[in-house]
Structure formats: structure tokens, C-alpha cells
Amino acid sequence: MRYACIDVGLKRIGIATSFGFGVITPQKAVLRKNRTQASKEIKEFLNLWNIDILVVGVPSSHETTTKRIKHFVELIEFDKTIVYQDENMSSNEAKELIKGEMKQKRDGRIDSLSASIILQRYLK
């Protein structure tokens, strides 16, 4: 199975992949200009990598954000399996993992590392 995970934010969307060997790889994040552009780029990514299962991070305690994320996922028009996974504290975990290794730039690396953490939770 080929998995992808997205961590949907208002400015960036982190992406991670796993191809069934237990290895999870952060990918280049999508910089979100608007939801149409971002959903198109995610759809192209999923098609290019022939993804079977899309895991989407959602907060367990914030219903409004969850609705916004689910609406965004509908725009992707992914016709395979979509699974929603708790994302709570994944961004903080990602920041801790790279603390000291690099300055925290807003280039999407933390977002994709967060997507990796969410995907790891799902695959456990």
C-alpha cells in the first residue's frame, strides 16, 4: 500500500509518504496561496505517487477546524480511501525533533515533519 498524509494549515500543507516498508518520508510542503491552487497541487501529488490511502490530520478538540479541513479534502477529489487521524500536538513534536538542528523557517519542513508524525500514529 502507498500512503500519503497531509497536515492542512492555512499557509502551508505538510506532506509525508510511506510505501509499506515502515519508512515514512516527509515531502516538500505545499505553500497555500488559496484552497483551489493547494487542492490541485495535492491532487497532482497523490496521482503522481499513485497513493492508495490518504491520511488527513485533524484536531480532536476543534470542530470548526475539522470541518474546514474536511471541506478542503473534498476539493482534492481523491477517489480512494481517506482516513482522518488525530493530529494533536504533532506540530509541537515536530518542532522539538528539529530543535537545535536548524532555525525554524516557515518553509514547510515542520509541517511535513508533522505530517510524518501523524502518519506514524496511523500506521502503528
PDB file of N, CA and C in Angstrom:
ATOM      1  N   MET A   1       0.836  -1.190   0.000  1.00  0.00           N
ATOM      2  CA  MET A   1       0.000   0.000   0.000  1.00  0.00           C
ATOM      3  C   MET A   1       0.875   1.244   0.000  1.00  0.00           C
ATOM      4  N   ARG A   2       0.382   2.251  -0.677  1.00  0.00           N
ATOM      5  CA  ARG A   2       1.079   3.528  -0.761  1.00  0.00           C
ATOM      6  C   ARG A   2       0.258   4.564   0.010  1.00  0.00           C
ATOM      7  N   TYR A   3       0.872   5.131   1.046  1.00  0.00           N
ATOM      8  CA  TYR A   3       0.197   6.072   1.923  1.00  0.00           C
ATOM      9  C   TYR A   3       0.745   7.477   1.730  1.00  0.00           C
ATOM     10  N   ALA A   4      -0.143   8.452   1.878  1.00  0.00           N
ATOM     11  CA  ALA A   4       0.277   9.843   1.989  1.00  0.00           C
ATOM     12  C   ALA A   4      -0.494  10.441   3.150  1.00  0.00           C
ATOM     13  N   CYS A   5       0.124  11.384   3.817  1.00  0.00           N
ATOM     14  CA  CYS A   5      -0.534  12.088   4.919  1.00  0.00           C
ATOM     15  C   CYS A   5      -0.382  13.581   4.677  1.00  0.00           C
ATOM     16  N   ILE A   6      -1.446  14.312   4.938  1.00  0.00           N
ATOM     17  CA  ILE A   6      -1.355  15.767   4.841  1.00  0.00           C
ATOM     18  C   ILE A   6      -1.721  16.393   6.183  1.00  0.00           C
ATOM     19  N   ASP A   7      -1.003  17.441   6.501  1.00  0.00           N
ATOM     20  CA  ASP A   7      -1.269  18.267   7.678  1.00  0.00           C
ATOM     21  C   ASP A   7      -1.683  19.634   7.127  1.00  0.00           C
ATOM     22  N   VAL A   8      -2.989  19.879   7.109  1.00  0.00           N
ATOM     23  CA  VAL A   8      -3.548  21.056   6.447  1.00  0.00           C
ATOM     24  C   VAL A   8      -3.486  22.265   7.361  1.00  0.00           C
ATOM     25  N   GLY A   9      -2.797  23.296   6.898  1.00  0.00           N
ATOM     26  CA  GLY A   9      -2.745  24.563   7.600  1.00  0.00           C
ATOM     27  C   GLY A   9      -3.248  25.669   6.695  1.00  0.00           C
ATOM     28  N   LEU A  10      -3.391  26.852   7.237  1.00  0.00           N
ATOM     29  CA  LEU A  10      -3.885  27.976   6.444  1.00  0.00           C
ATOM     30  C   LEU A  10      -2.835  28.524   5.482  1.00  0.00           C
ATOM     31  N   LYS A  11      -1.544  28.341   5.801  1.00  0.00           N
ATOM     32  CA  LYS A  11      -0.470  28.864   4.949  1.00  0.00           C
ATOM     33  C   LYS A  11       0.317  27.775   4.237  1.00  0.00           C
ATOM     34  N   ARG A  12       0.441  26.603   4.882  1.00  0.00           N
ATOM     35  CA  ARG A  12       1.213  25.507   4.309  1.00  0.00           C
ATOM     36  C   ARG A  12       0.502  24.185   4.574  1.00  0.00           C
ATOM     37  N   ILE A  13       0.743  23.221   3.686  1.00  0.00           N
ATOM     38  CA  ILE A  13       0.209  21.878   3.872  1.00  0.00           C
ATOM     39  C   ILE A  13       1.390  20.909   3.851  1.00  0.00           C
ATOM     40  N   GLY A  14       1.648  20.324   4.998  1.00  0.00           N
ATOM     41  CA  GLY A  14       2.732  19.355   5.099  1.00  0.00           C
ATOM     42  C   GLY A  14       2.314  18.038   4.484  1.00  0.00           C
ATOM     43  N   ILE A  15       3.278  17.346   3.879  1.00  0.00           N
ATOM     44  CA  ILE A  15       3.013  16.066   3.224  1.00  0.00           C
ATOM     45  C   ILE A  15       4.084  15.062   3.639  1.00  0.00           C
ATOM     46  N   ALA A  16       3.638  13.825   3.889  1.00  0.00           N
ATOM     47  CA  ALA A  16       4.560  12.723   4.158  1.00  0.00           C
ATOM     48  C   ALA A  16       4.043  11.496   3.418  1.00  0.00           C
ATOM     49  N   THR A  17       4.963  10.583   3.097  1.00  0.00           N
ATOM     50  CA  THR A  17       4.588   9.358   2.389  1.00  0.00           C
ATOM     51  C   THR A  17       5.203   8.141   3.062  1.00  0.00           C
ATOM     52  N   SER A  18       4.577   7.003   2.800  1.00  0.00           N
ATOM     53  CA  SER A  18       5.112   5.715   3.204  1.00  0.00           C
ATOM     54  C   SER A  18       4.626   4.686   2.194  1.00  0.00           C
ATOM     55  N   PHE A  19       5.516   3.796   1.799  1.00  0.00           N
ATOM     56  CA  PHE A  19       5.167   2.826   0.777  1.00  0.00           C
ATOM     57  C   PHE A  19       5.161   1.397   1.308  1.00  0.00           C
ATOM     58  N   GLY A  20       4.761   1.237   2.573  1.00  0.00           N
ATOM     59  CA  GLY A  20       4.540  -0.082   3.129  1.00  0.00           C
ATOM     60  C   GLY A  20       5.747  -0.774   3.714  1.00  0.00           C
ATOM     61  N   PHE A  21       6.856  -0.084   3.854  1.00  0.00           N
ATOM     62  CA  PHE A  21       8.058  -0.711   4.399  1.00  0.00           C
ATOM     63  C   PHE A  21       8.405  -0.156   5.782  1.00  0.00           C
ATOM     64  N   GLY A  22       7.492   0.600   6.374  1.00  0.00           N
ATOM     65  CA  GLY A  22       7.727   1.179   7.686  1.00  0.00           C
ATOM     66  C   GLY A  22       8.541   2.450   7.656  1.00  0.00           C
ATOM     67  N   VAL A  23       8.956   2.890   6.480  1.00  0.00           N
ATOM     68  CA  VAL A  23       9.726   4.119   6.353  1.00  0.00           C
ATOM     69  C   VAL A  23       8.769   5.243   5.956  1.00  0.00           C
ATOM     70  N   ILE A  24       8.813   6.317   6.728  1.00  0.00           N
ATOM     71  CA  ILE A  24       7.972   7.475   6.446  1.00  0.00           C
ATOM     72  C   ILE A  24       8.888   8.619   6.044  1.00  0.00           C
ATOM     73  N   THR A  25       8.550   9.262   4.922  1.00  0.00           N
ATOM     74  CA  THR A  25       9.394  10.316   4.385  1.00  0.00           C
ATOM     75  C   THR A  25       8.628  11.625   4.260  1.00  0.00           C
ATOM     76  N   PRO A  26       9.109  12.682   4.929  1.00  0.00           N
ATOM     77  CA  PRO A  26       8.493  13.994   4.710  1.00  0.00           C
ATOM     78  C   PRO A  26       8.763  14.438   3.276  1.00  0.00           C
ATOM     79  N   GLN A  27       7.786  15.060   2.660  1.00  0.00           N
ATOM     80  CA  GLN A  27       7.923  15.581   1.307  1.00  0.00           C
ATOM     81  C   GLN A  27       7.897  17.109   1.356  1.00  0.00           C
ATOM     82  N   LYS A  28       8.133  17.721   0.243  1.00  0.00           N
ATOM     83  CA  LYS A  28       8.089  19.182   0.185  1.00  0.00           C
ATOM     84  C   LYS A  28       6.646  19.649   0.421  1.00  0.00           C
ATOM     85  N   ALA A  29       6.483  20.586   1.339  1.00  0.00           N
ATOM     86  CA  ALA A  29       5.160  21.104   1.672  1.00  0.00           C
ATOM     87  C   ALA A  29       4.606  21.951   0.529  1.00  0.00           C
ATOM     88  N   VAL A  30       3.290  22.025   0.484  1.00  0.00           N
ATOM     89  CA  VAL A  30       2.617  22.897  -0.478  1.00  0.00           C
ATOM     90  C   VAL A  30       2.395  24.239   0.202  1.00  0.00           C
ATOM     91  N   LEU A  31       2.896  25.297  -0.421  1.00  0.00           N
ATOM     92  CA  LEU A  31       2.645  26.639   0.085  1.00  0.00           C
ATOM     93  C   LEU A  31       1.279  27.064  -0.439  1.00  0.00           C
ATOM     94  N   ARG A  32       0.395  27.363   0.460  1.00  0.00           N
ATOM     95  CA  ARG A  32      -1.008  27.580   0.130  1.00  0.00           C
ATOM     96  C   ARG A  32      -1.280  29.047  -0.183  1.00  0.00           C
ATOM     97  N   LYS A  33      -1.557  29.324  -1.454  1.00  0.00           N
ATOM     98  CA  LYS A  33      -1.960  30.680  -1.862  1.00  0.00           C
ATOM     99  C   LYS A  33      -3.466  30.828  -1.724  1.00  0.00           C
ATOM    100  N   ASN A  34      -4.174  29.785  -2.166  1.00  0.00           N
ATOM    101  CA  ASN A  34      -5.620  29.698  -1.985  1.00  0.00           C
ATOM    102  C   ASN A  34      -5.997  28.227  -2.012  1.00  0.00           C
ATOM    103  N   ARG A  35      -7.215  27.916  -1.616  1.00  0.00           N
ATOM    104  CA  ARG A  35      -7.571  26.498  -1.483  1.00  0.00           C
ATOM    105  C   ARG A  35      -7.676  25.788  -2.826  1.00  0.00           C
ATOM    106  N   THR A  36      -8.036  26.505  -3.893  1.00  0.00           N
ATOM    107  CA  THR A  36      -8.131  25.880  -5.215  1.00  0.00           C
ATOM    108  C   THR A  36      -6.752  25.444  -5.688  1.00  0.00           C
ATOM    109  N   GLN A  37      -5.780  26.343  -5.603  1.00  0.00           N
ATOM    110  CA  GLN A  37      -4.401  26.037  -6.004  1.00  0.00           C
ATOM    111  C   GLN A  37      -3.839  24.903  -5.157  1.00  0.00           C
ATOM    112  N   ALA A  38      -4.053  24.983  -3.844  1.00  0.00           N
ATOM    113  CA  ALA A  38      -3.492  23.976  -2.937  1.00  0.00           C
ATOM    114  C   ALA A  38      -4.119  22.601  -3.172  1.00  0.00           C
ATOM    115  N   SER A  39      -5.429  22.549  -3.329  1.00  0.00           N
ATOM    116  CA  SER A  39      -6.081  21.252  -3.552  1.00  0.00           C
ATOM    117  C   SER A  39      -5.652  20.643  -4.882  1.00  0.00           C
ATOM    118  N   LYS A  40      -5.430  21.478  -5.888  1.00  0.00           N
ATOM    119  CA  LYS A  40      -4.960  20.990  -7.188  1.00  0.00           C
ATOM    120  C   LYS A  40      -3.553  20.389  -7.052  1.00  0.00           C
ATOM    121  N   GLU A  41      -2.670  21.068  -6.331  1.00  0.00           N
ATOM    122  CA  GLU A  41      -1.309  20.556  -6.148  1.00  0.00           C
ATOM    123  C   GLU A  41      -1.300  19.247  -5.358  1.00  0.00           C
ATOM    124  N   ILE A  42      -2.137  19.151  -4.337  1.00  0.00           N
ATOM    125  CA  ILE A  42      -2.219  17.914  -3.552  1.00  0.00           C
ATOM    126  C   ILE A  42      -2.762  16.788  -4.434  1.00  0.00           C
ATOM    127  N   LYS A  43      -3.787  17.065  -5.205  1.00  0.00           N
ATOM    128  CA  LYS A  43      -4.365  16.045  -6.099  1.00  0.00           C
ATOM    129  C   LYS A  43      -3.312  15.544  -7.088  1.00  0.00           C
ATOM    130  N   GLU A  44      -2.544  16.458  -7.668  1.00  0.00           N
ATOM    131  CA  GLU A  44      -1.486  16.077  -8.610  1.00  0.00           C
ATOM    132  C   GLU A  44      -0.434  15.211  -7.920  1.00  0.00           C
ATOM    133  N   PHE A  45      -0.072  15.570  -6.698  1.00  0.00           N
ATOM    134  CA  PHE A  45       0.900  14.798  -5.933  1.00  0.00           C
ATOM    135  C   PHE A  45       0.383  13.376  -5.709  1.00  0.00           C
ATOM    136  N   LEU A  46      -0.857  13.249  -5.252  1.00  0.00           N
ATOM    137  CA  LEU A  46      -1.442  11.941  -4.965  1.00  0.00           C
ATOM    138  C   LEU A  46      -1.502  11.072  -6.218  1.00  0.00           C
ATOM    139  N   ASN A  47      -1.844  11.680  -7.348  1.00  0.00           N
ATOM    140  CA  ASN A  47      -1.888  10.934  -8.613  1.00  0.00           C
ATOM    141  C   ASN A  47      -0.492  10.531  -9.075  1.00  0.00           C
ATOM    142  N   LEU A  48       0.460  11.454  -8.982  1.00  0.00           N
ATOM    143  CA  LEU A  48       1.831  11.191  -9.409  1.00  0.00           C
ATOM    144  C   LEU A  48       2.439  10.020  -8.637  1.00  0.00           C
ATOM    145  N   TRP A  49       2.187   9.974  -7.332  1.00  0.00           N
ATOM    146  CA  TRP A  49       2.751   8.935  -6.478  1.00  0.00           C
ATOM    147  C   TRP A  49       1.841   7.712  -6.366  1.00  0.00           C
ATOM    148  N   ASN A  50       0.718   7.723  -7.071  1.00  0.00           N
ATOM    149  CA  ASN A  50      -0.221   6.597  -7.092  1.00  0.00           C
ATOM    150  C   ASN A  50      -0.591   6.149  -5.667  1.00  0.00           C
ATOM    151  N   ILE A  51      -1.039   7.106  -4.868  1.00  0.00           N
ATOM    152  CA  ILE A  51      -1.360   6.875  -3.459  1.00  0.00           C
ATOM    153  C   ILE A  51      -2.658   6.081  -3.330  1.00  0.00           C
ATOM    154  N   ASP A  52      -2.659   5.092  -2.429  1.00  0.00           N
ATOM    155  CA  ASP A  52      -3.840   4.272  -2.162  1.00  0.00           C
ATOM    156  C   ASP A  52      -4.677   4.798  -1.007  1.00  0.00           C
ATOM    157  N   ILE A  53      -3.991   5.298   0.027  1.00  0.00           N
ATOM    158  CA  ILE A  53      -4.682   5.763   1.231  1.00  0.00           C
ATOM    159  C   ILE A  53      -4.161   7.150   1.602  1.00  0.00           C
ATOM    160  N   LEU A  54      -5.090   8.086   1.765  1.00  0.00           N
ATOM    161  CA  LEU A  54      -4.752   9.438   2.199  1.00  0.00           C
ATOM    162  C   LEU A  54      -5.141   9.570   3.662  1.00  0.00           C
ATOM    163  N   VAL A  55      -4.158   9.868   4.499  1.00  0.00           N
ATOM    164  CA  VAL A  55      -4.385  10.101   5.919  1.00  0.00           C
ATOM    165  C   VAL A  55      -4.362  11.618   6.122  1.00  0.00           C
ATOM    166  N   VAL A  56      -5.385  12.119   6.792  1.00  0.00           N
ATOM    167  CA  VAL A  56      -5.518  13.563   6.981  1.00  0.00           C
ATOM    168  C   VAL A  56      -5.538  13.863   8.478  1.00  0.00           C
ATOM    169  N   GLY A  57      -4.651  14.729   8.899  1.00  0.00           N
ATOM    170  CA  GLY A  57      -4.613  15.111  10.304  1.00  0.00           C
ATOM    171  C   GLY A  57      -5.731  16.067  10.647  1.00  0.00           C
ATOM    172  N   VAL A  58      -6.441  15.782  11.745  1.00  0.00           N
ATOM    173  CA  VAL A  58      -7.493  16.674  12.244  1.00  0.00           C
ATOM    174  C   VAL A  58      -7.354  16.797  13.754  1.00  0.00           C
ATOM    175  N   PRO A  59      -7.682  17.968  14.291  1.00  0.00           N
ATOM    176  CA  PRO A  59      -7.630  18.121  15.745  1.00  0.00           C
ATOM    177  C   PRO A  59      -8.859  17.473  16.384  1.00  0.00           C
ATOM    178  N   SER A  60      -8.658  16.767  17.481  1.00  0.00           N
ATOM    179  CA  SER A  60      -9.776  16.082  18.118  1.00  0.00           C
ATOM    180  C   SER A  60     -10.682  17.025  18.895  1.00  0.00           C
ATOM    181  N   SER A  61     -10.192  18.204  19.212  1.00  0.00           N
ATOM    182  CA  SER A  61     -10.968  19.089  20.088  1.00  0.00           C
ATOM    183  C   SER A  61     -11.424  20.390  19.427  1.00  0.00           C
ATOM    184  N   HIS A  62     -11.292  20.515  18.117  1.00  0.00           N
ATOM    185  CA  HIS A  62     -11.659  21.773  17.468  1.00  0.00           C
ATOM    186  C   HIS A  62     -12.537  21.494  16.257  1.00  0.00           C
ATOM    187  N   GLU A  63     -13.843  21.474  16.486  1.00  0.00           N
ATOM    188  CA  GLU A  63     -14.809  21.078  15.462  1.00  0.00           C
ATOM    189  C   GLU A  63     -14.790  21.985  14.237  1.00  0.00           C
ATOM    190  N   THR A  64     -14.626  23.287  14.416  1.00  0.00           N
ATOM    191  CA  THR A  64     -14.621  24.221  13.289  1.00  0.00           C
ATOM    192  C   THR A  64     -13.446  23.947  12.360  1.00  0.00           C
ATOM    193  N   THR A  65     -12.282  23.727  12.925  1.00  0.00           N
ATOM    194  CA  THR A  65     -11.101  23.422  12.126  1.00  0.00           C
ATOM    195  C   THR A  65     -11.275  22.091  11.401  1.00  0.00           C
ATOM    196  N   THR A  66     -11.835  21.112  12.076  1.00  0.00           N
ATOM    197  CA  THR A  66     -12.074  19.811  11.454  1.00  0.00           C
ATOM    198  C   THR A  66     -13.001  19.957  10.245  1.00  0.00           C
ATOM    199  N   LYS A  67     -14.048  20.744  10.364  1.00  0.00           N
ATOM    200  CA  LYS A  67     -14.969  20.974   9.235  1.00  0.00           C
ATOM    201  C   LYS A  67     -14.244  21.639   8.071  1.00  0.00           C
ATOM    202  N   ARG A  68     -13.391  22.624   8.383  1.00  0.00           N
ATOM    203  CA  ARG A  68     -12.630  23.324   7.340  1.00  0.00           C
ATOM    204  C   ARG A  68     -11.704  22.353   6.612  1.00  0.00           C
ATOM    205  N   ILE A  69     -11.047  21.486   7.366  1.00  0.00           N
ATOM    206  CA  ILE A  69     -10.131  20.513   6.770  1.00  0.00           C
ATOM    207  C   ILE A  69     -10.895  19.518   5.896  1.00  0.00           C
ATOM    208  N   LYS A  70     -12.020  19.021   6.382  1.00  0.00           N
ATOM    209  CA  LYS A  70     -12.810  18.063   5.605  1.00  0.00           C
ATOM    210  C   LYS A  70     -13.337  18.696   4.318  1.00  0.00           C
ATOM    211  N   HIS A  71     -13.715  19.963   4.375  1.00  0.00           N
ATOM    212  CA  HIS A  71     -14.145  20.664   3.157  1.00  0.00           C
ATOM    213  C   HIS A  71     -12.987  20.758   2.167  1.00  0.00           C
ATOM    214  N   PHE A  72     -11.795  21.076   2.660  1.00  0.00           N
ATOM    215  CA  PHE A  72     -10.627  21.147   1.788  1.00  0.00           C
ATOM    216  C   PHE A  72     -10.361  19.796   1.129  1.00  0.00           C
ATOM    217  N   VAL A  73     -10.459  18.714   1.908  1.00  0.00           N
ATOM    218  CA  VAL A  73     -10.208  17.377   1.374  1.00  0.00           C
ATOM    219  C   VAL A  73     -11.203  17.044   0.258  1.00  0.00           C
ATOM    220  N   GLU A  74     -12.442  17.496   0.379  1.00  0.00           N
ATOM    221  CA  GLU A  74     -13.433  17.283  -0.685  1.00  0.00           C
ATOM    222  C   GLU A  74     -12.980  17.937  -1.993  1.00  0.00           C
ATOM    223  N   LEU A  75     -12.294  19.068  -1.908  1.00  0.00           N
ATOM    224  CA  LEU A  75     -11.812  19.766  -3.102  1.00  0.00           C
ATOM    225  C   LEU A  75     -10.733  18.980  -3.838  1.00  0.00           C
ATOM    226  N   ILE A  76     -10.040  18.103  -3.137  1.00  0.00           N
ATOM    227  CA  ILE A  76      -8.972  17.312  -3.748  1.00  0.00           C
ATOM    228  C   ILE A  76      -9.546  16.276  -4.714  1.00  0.00           C
ATOM    229  N   GLU A  77     -10.770  15.843  -4.455  1.00  0.00           N
ATOM    230  CA  GLU A  77     -11.437  14.843  -5.302  1.00  0.00           C
ATOM    231  C   GLU A  77     -10.628  13.548  -5.377  1.00  0.00           C
ATOM    232  N   PHE A  78     -10.213  13.064  -4.226  1.00  0.00           N
ATOM    233  CA  PHE A  78      -9.460  11.810  -4.127  1.00  0.00           C
ATOM    234  C   PHE A  78     -10.467  10.676  -4.035  1.00  0.00           C
ATOM    235  N   ASP A  79     -10.445   9.756  -4.990  1.00  0.00           N
ATOM    236  CA  ASP A  79     -11.483   8.726  -5.061  1.00  0.00           C
ATOM    237  C   ASP A  79     -11.070   7.388  -4.432  1.00  0.00           C
ATOM    238  N   LYS A  80      -9.998   7.423  -3.651  1.00  0.00           N
ATOM    239  CA  LYS A  80      -9.575   6.209  -2.938  1.00  0.00           C
ATOM    240  C   LYS A  80      -9.854   6.420  -1.449  1.00  0.00           C
ATOM    241  N   THR A  81      -9.246   5.632  -0.605  1.00  0.00           N
ATOM    242  CA  THR A  81      -9.532   5.676   0.830  1.00  0.00           C
ATOM    243  C   THR A  81      -8.957   6.936   1.483  1.00  0.00           C
ATOM    244  N   ILE A  82      -9.811   7.588   2.289  1.00  0.00           N
ATOM    245  CA  ILE A  82      -9.396   8.741   3.091  1.00  0.00           C
ATOM    246  C   ILE A  82      -9.664   8.394   4.548  1.00  0.00           C
ATOM    247  N   VAL A  83      -8.651   8.610   5.385  1.00  0.00           N
ATOM    248  CA  VAL A  83      -8.752   8.316   6.811  1.00  0.00           C
ATOM    249  C   VAL A  83      -8.380   9.584   7.566  1.00  0.00           C
ATOM    250  N   TYR A  84      -9.152   9.895   8.605  1.00  0.00           N
ATOM    251  CA  TYR A  84      -8.842  11.055   9.440  1.00  0.00           C
ATOM    252  C   TYR A  84      -8.171  10.570  10.720  1.00  0.00           C
ATOM    253  N   GLN A  85      -7.059  11.221  11.063  1.00  0.00           N
ATOM    254  CA  GLN A  85      -6.227  10.810  12.198  1.00  0.00           C
ATOM    255  C   GLN A  85      -5.983  12.011  13.111  1.00  0.00           C
ATOM    256  N   ASP A  86      -6.029  11.761  14.402  1.00  0.00           N
ATOM    257  CA  ASP A  86      -5.763  12.807  15.395  1.00  0.00           C
ATOM    258  C   ASP A  86      -4.384  13.428  15.160  1.00  0.00           C
ATOM    259  N   GLU A  87      -4.347  14.750  15.107  1.00  0.00           N
ATOM    260  CA  GLU A  87      -3.084  15.454  14.880  1.00  0.00           C
ATOM    261  C   GLU A  87      -2.592  16.199  16.120  1.00  0.00           C
ATOM    262  N   ASN A  88      -3.302  16.086  17.228  1.00  0.00           N
ATOM    263  CA  ASN A  88      -2.982  16.894  18.402  1.00  0.00           C
ATOM    264  C   ASN A  88      -1.507  16.814  18.783  1.00  0.00           C
ATOM    265  N   MET A  89      -0.912  17.970  18.934  1.00  0.00           N
ATOM    266  CA  MET A  89       0.468  18.160  19.374  1.00  0.00           C
ATOM    267  C   MET A  89       1.525  17.703  18.362  1.00  0.00           C
ATOM    268  N   SER A  90       1.126  17.329  17.152  1.00  0.00           N
ATOM    269  CA  SER A  90       2.123  16.861  16.175  1.00  0.00           C
ATOM    270  C   SER A  90       3.076  17.986  15.764  1.00  0.00           C
ATOM    271  N   SER A  91       2.576  19.207  15.652  1.00  0.00           N
ATOM    272  CA  SER A  91       3.456  20.329  15.285  1.00  0.00           C
ATOM    273  C   SER A  91       4.469  20.607  16.385  1.00  0.00           C
ATOM    274  N   ASN A  92       4.032  20.524  17.626  1.00  0.00           N
ATOM    275  CA  ASN A  92       4.957  20.730  18.743  1.00  0.00           C
ATOM    276  C   ASN A  92       6.019  19.623  18.781  1.00  0.00           C
ATOM    277  N   GLU A  93       5.601  18.376  18.519  1.00  0.00           N
ATOM    278  CA  GLU A  93       6.560  17.270  18.457  1.00  0.00           C
ATOM    279  C   GLU A  93       7.580  17.495  17.347  1.00  0.00           C
ATOM    280  N   ALA A  94       7.097  17.960  16.200  1.00  0.00           N
ATOM    281  CA  ALA A  94       7.988  18.216  15.061  1.00  0.00           C
ATOM    282  C   ALA A  94       9.002  19.304  15.403  1.00  0.00           C
ATOM    283  N   LYS A  95       8.543  20.363  16.049  1.00  0.00           N
ATOM    284  CA  LYS A  95       9.453  21.452  16.443  1.00  0.00           C
ATOM    285  C   LYS A  95      10.513  20.949  17.420  1.00  0.00           C
ATOM    286  N   GLU A  96      10.117  20.083  18.342  1.00  0.00           N
ATOM    287  CA  GLU A  96      11.066  19.516  19.305  1.00  0.00           C
ATOM    288  C   GLU A  96      12.107  18.636  18.619  1.00  0.00           C
ATOM    289  N   LEU A  97      11.668  17.877  17.604  1.00  0.00           N
ATOM    290  CA  LEU A  97      12.590  16.983  16.901  1.00  0.00           C
ATOM    291  C   LEU A  97      13.709  17.728  16.181  1.00  0.00           C
ATOM    292  N   ILE A  98      13.399  18.909  15.668  1.00  0.00           N
ATOM    293  CA  ILE A  98      14.423  19.637  14.908  1.00  0.00           C
ATOM    294  C   ILE A  98      15.050  20.767  15.713  1.00  0.00           C
ATOM    295  N   LYS A  99      14.655  20.898  16.946  1.00  0.00           N
ATOM    296  CA  LYS A  99      15.195  21.947  17.813  1.00  0.00           C
ATOM    297  C   LYS A  99      16.711  21.859  17.841  1.00  0.00           C
ATOM    298  N   GLY A 100      17.359  22.950  17.547  1.00  0.00           N
ATOM    299  CA  GLY A 100      18.811  22.984  17.572  1.00  0.00           C
ATOM    300  C   GLY A 100      19.457  22.574  16.260  1.00  0.00           C
ATOM    301  N   GLU A 101      18.743  21.833  15.420  1.00  0.00           N
ATOM    302  CA  GLU A 101      19.322  21.397  14.146  1.00  0.00           C
ATOM    303  C   GLU A 101      19.257  22.492  13.090  1.00  0.00           C
ATOM    304  N   MET A 102      18.236  23.304  13.179  1.00  0.00           N
ATOM    305  CA  MET A 102      18.087  24.374  12.190  1.00  0.00           C
ATOM    306  C   MET A 102      17.200  25.453  12.786  1.00  0.00           C
ATOM    307  N   LYS A 103      17.324  26.618  12.247  1.00  0.00           N
ATOM    308  CA  LYS A 103      16.412  27.676  12.656  1.00  0.00           C
ATOM    309  C   LYS A 103      15.041  27.343  12.083  1.00  0.00           C
ATOM    310  N   GLN A 104      14.018  27.649  12.844  1.00  0.00           N
ATOM    311  CA  GLN A 104      12.670  27.294  12.403  1.00  0.00           C
ATOM    312  C   GLN A 104      12.199  28.267  11.318  1.00  0.00           C
ATOM    313  N   LYS A 105      12.420  27.869  10.092  1.00  0.00           N
ATOM    314  CA  LYS A 105      11.985  28.663   8.950  1.00  0.00           C
ATOM    315  C   LYS A 105      10.549  28.311   8.645  1.00  0.00           C
ATOM    316  N   ARG A 106       9.866  29.187   8.000  1.00  0.00           N
ATOM    317  CA  ARG A 106       8.477  28.950   7.621  1.00  0.00           C
ATOM    318  C   ARG A 106       8.418  28.462   6.171  1.00  0.00           C
ATOM    319  N   ASP A 107       9.173  27.384   5.902  1.00  0.00           N
ATOM    320  CA  ASP A 107       9.248  26.855   4.544  1.00  0.00           C
ATOM    321  C   ASP A 107       8.488  25.547   4.382  1.00  0.00           C
ATOM    322  N   GLY A 108       7.846  25.089   5.455  1.00  0.00           N
ATOM    323  CA  GLY A 108       7.042  23.889   5.366  1.00  0.00           C
ATOM    324  C   GLY A 108       7.696  22.633   5.895  1.00  0.00           C
ATOM    325  N   ARG A 109       8.966  22.699   6.278  1.00  0.00           N
ATOM    326  CA  ARG A 109       9.628  21.487   6.782  1.00  0.00           C
ATOM    327  C   ARG A 109       8.978  20.975   8.064  1.00  0.00           C
ATOM    328  N   ILE A 110       8.627  21.895   8.948  1.00  0.00           N
ATOM    329  CA  ILE A 110       7.961  21.484  10.192  1.00  0.00           C
ATOM    330  C   ILE A 110       6.591  20.883   9.873  1.00  0.00           C
ATOM    331  N   ASP A 111       5.893  21.468   8.905  1.00  0.00           N
ATOM    332  CA  ASP A 111       4.564  20.970   8.524  1.00  0.00           C
ATOM    333  C   ASP A 111       4.656  19.548   7.973  1.00  0.00           C
ATOM    334  N   SER A 112       5.653  19.283   7.148  1.00  0.00           N
ATOM    335  CA  SER A 112       5.814  17.935   6.587  1.00  0.00           C
ATOM    336  C   SER A 112       6.313  16.941   7.630  1.00  0.00           C
ATOM    337  N   LEU A 113       7.134  17.405   8.558  1.00  0.00           N
ATOM    338  CA  LEU A 113       7.548  16.543   9.657  1.00  0.00           C
ATOM    339  C   LEU A 113       6.342  16.219  10.545  1.00  0.00           C
ATOM    340  N   SER A 114       5.480  17.191  10.747  1.00  0.00           N
ATOM    341  CA  SER A 114       4.236  16.970  11.487  1.00  0.00           C
ATOM    342  C   SER A 114       3.361  15.937  10.775  1.00  0.00           C
ATOM    343  N   ALA A 115       3.273  16.025   9.434  1.00  0.00           N
ATOM    344  CA  ALA A 115       2.527  15.026   8.663  1.00  0.00           C
ATOM    345  C   ALA A 115       3.145  13.641   8.849  1.00  0.00           C
ATOM    346  N   SER A 116       4.466  13.569   8.954  1.00  0.00           N
ATOM    347  CA  SER A 116       5.153  12.294   9.197  1.00  0.00           C
ATOM    348  C   SER A 116       4.739  11.699  10.538  1.00  0.00           C
ATOM    349  N   ILE A 117       4.646  12.548  11.544  1.00  0.00           N
ATOM    350  CA  ILE A 117       4.254  12.098  12.881  1.00  0.00           C
ATOM    351  C   ILE A 117       2.812  11.589  12.866  1.00  0.00           C
ATOM    352  N   ILE A 118       1.934  12.303  12.173  1.00  0.00           N
ATOM    353  CA  ILE A 118       0.536  11.880  12.063  1.00  0.00           C
ATOM    354  C   ILE A 118       0.443  10.535  11.341  1.00  0.00           C
ATOM    355  N   LEU A 119       1.197  10.378  10.272  1.00  0.00           N
ATOM    356  CA  LEU A 119       1.194   9.124   9.523  1.00  0.00           C
ATOM    357  C   LEU A 119       1.750   7.980  10.383  1.00  0.00           C
ATOM    358  N   GLN A 120       2.772   8.269  11.153  1.00  0.00           N
ATOM    359  CA  GLN A 120       3.339   7.256  12.048  1.00  0.00           C
ATOM    360  C   GLN A 120       2.293   6.792  13.050  1.00  0.00           C
ATOM    361  N   ARG A 121       1.504   7.723  13.595  1.00  0.00           N
ATOM    362  CA  ARG A 121       0.440   7.366  14.532  1.00  0.00           C
ATOM    363  C   ARG A 121      -0.583   6.454  13.863  1.00  0.00           C
ATOM    364  N   TYR A 122      -0.919   6.767  12.632  1.00  0.00           N
ATOM    365  CA  TYR A 122      -1.904   5.960  11.905  1.00  0.00           C
ATOM    366  C   TYR A 122      -1.380   4.549  11.642  1.00  0.00           C
ATOM    367  N   LEU A 123      -0.128   4.428  11.259  1.00  0.00           N
ATOM    368  CA  LEU A 123       0.436   3.136  10.876  1.00  0.00           C
ATOM    369  C   LEU A 123       0.754   2.225  12.046  1.00  0.00           C
ATOM    370  N   LYS A 124       0.745   2.750  13.265  1.00  0.00           N
ATOM    371  CA  LYS A 124       1.050   1.927  14.456  1.00  0.00           C
ATOM    372  C   LYS A 124       0.008   0.869  14.663  1.00  0.00           C
TER     373      LYS A 124
END
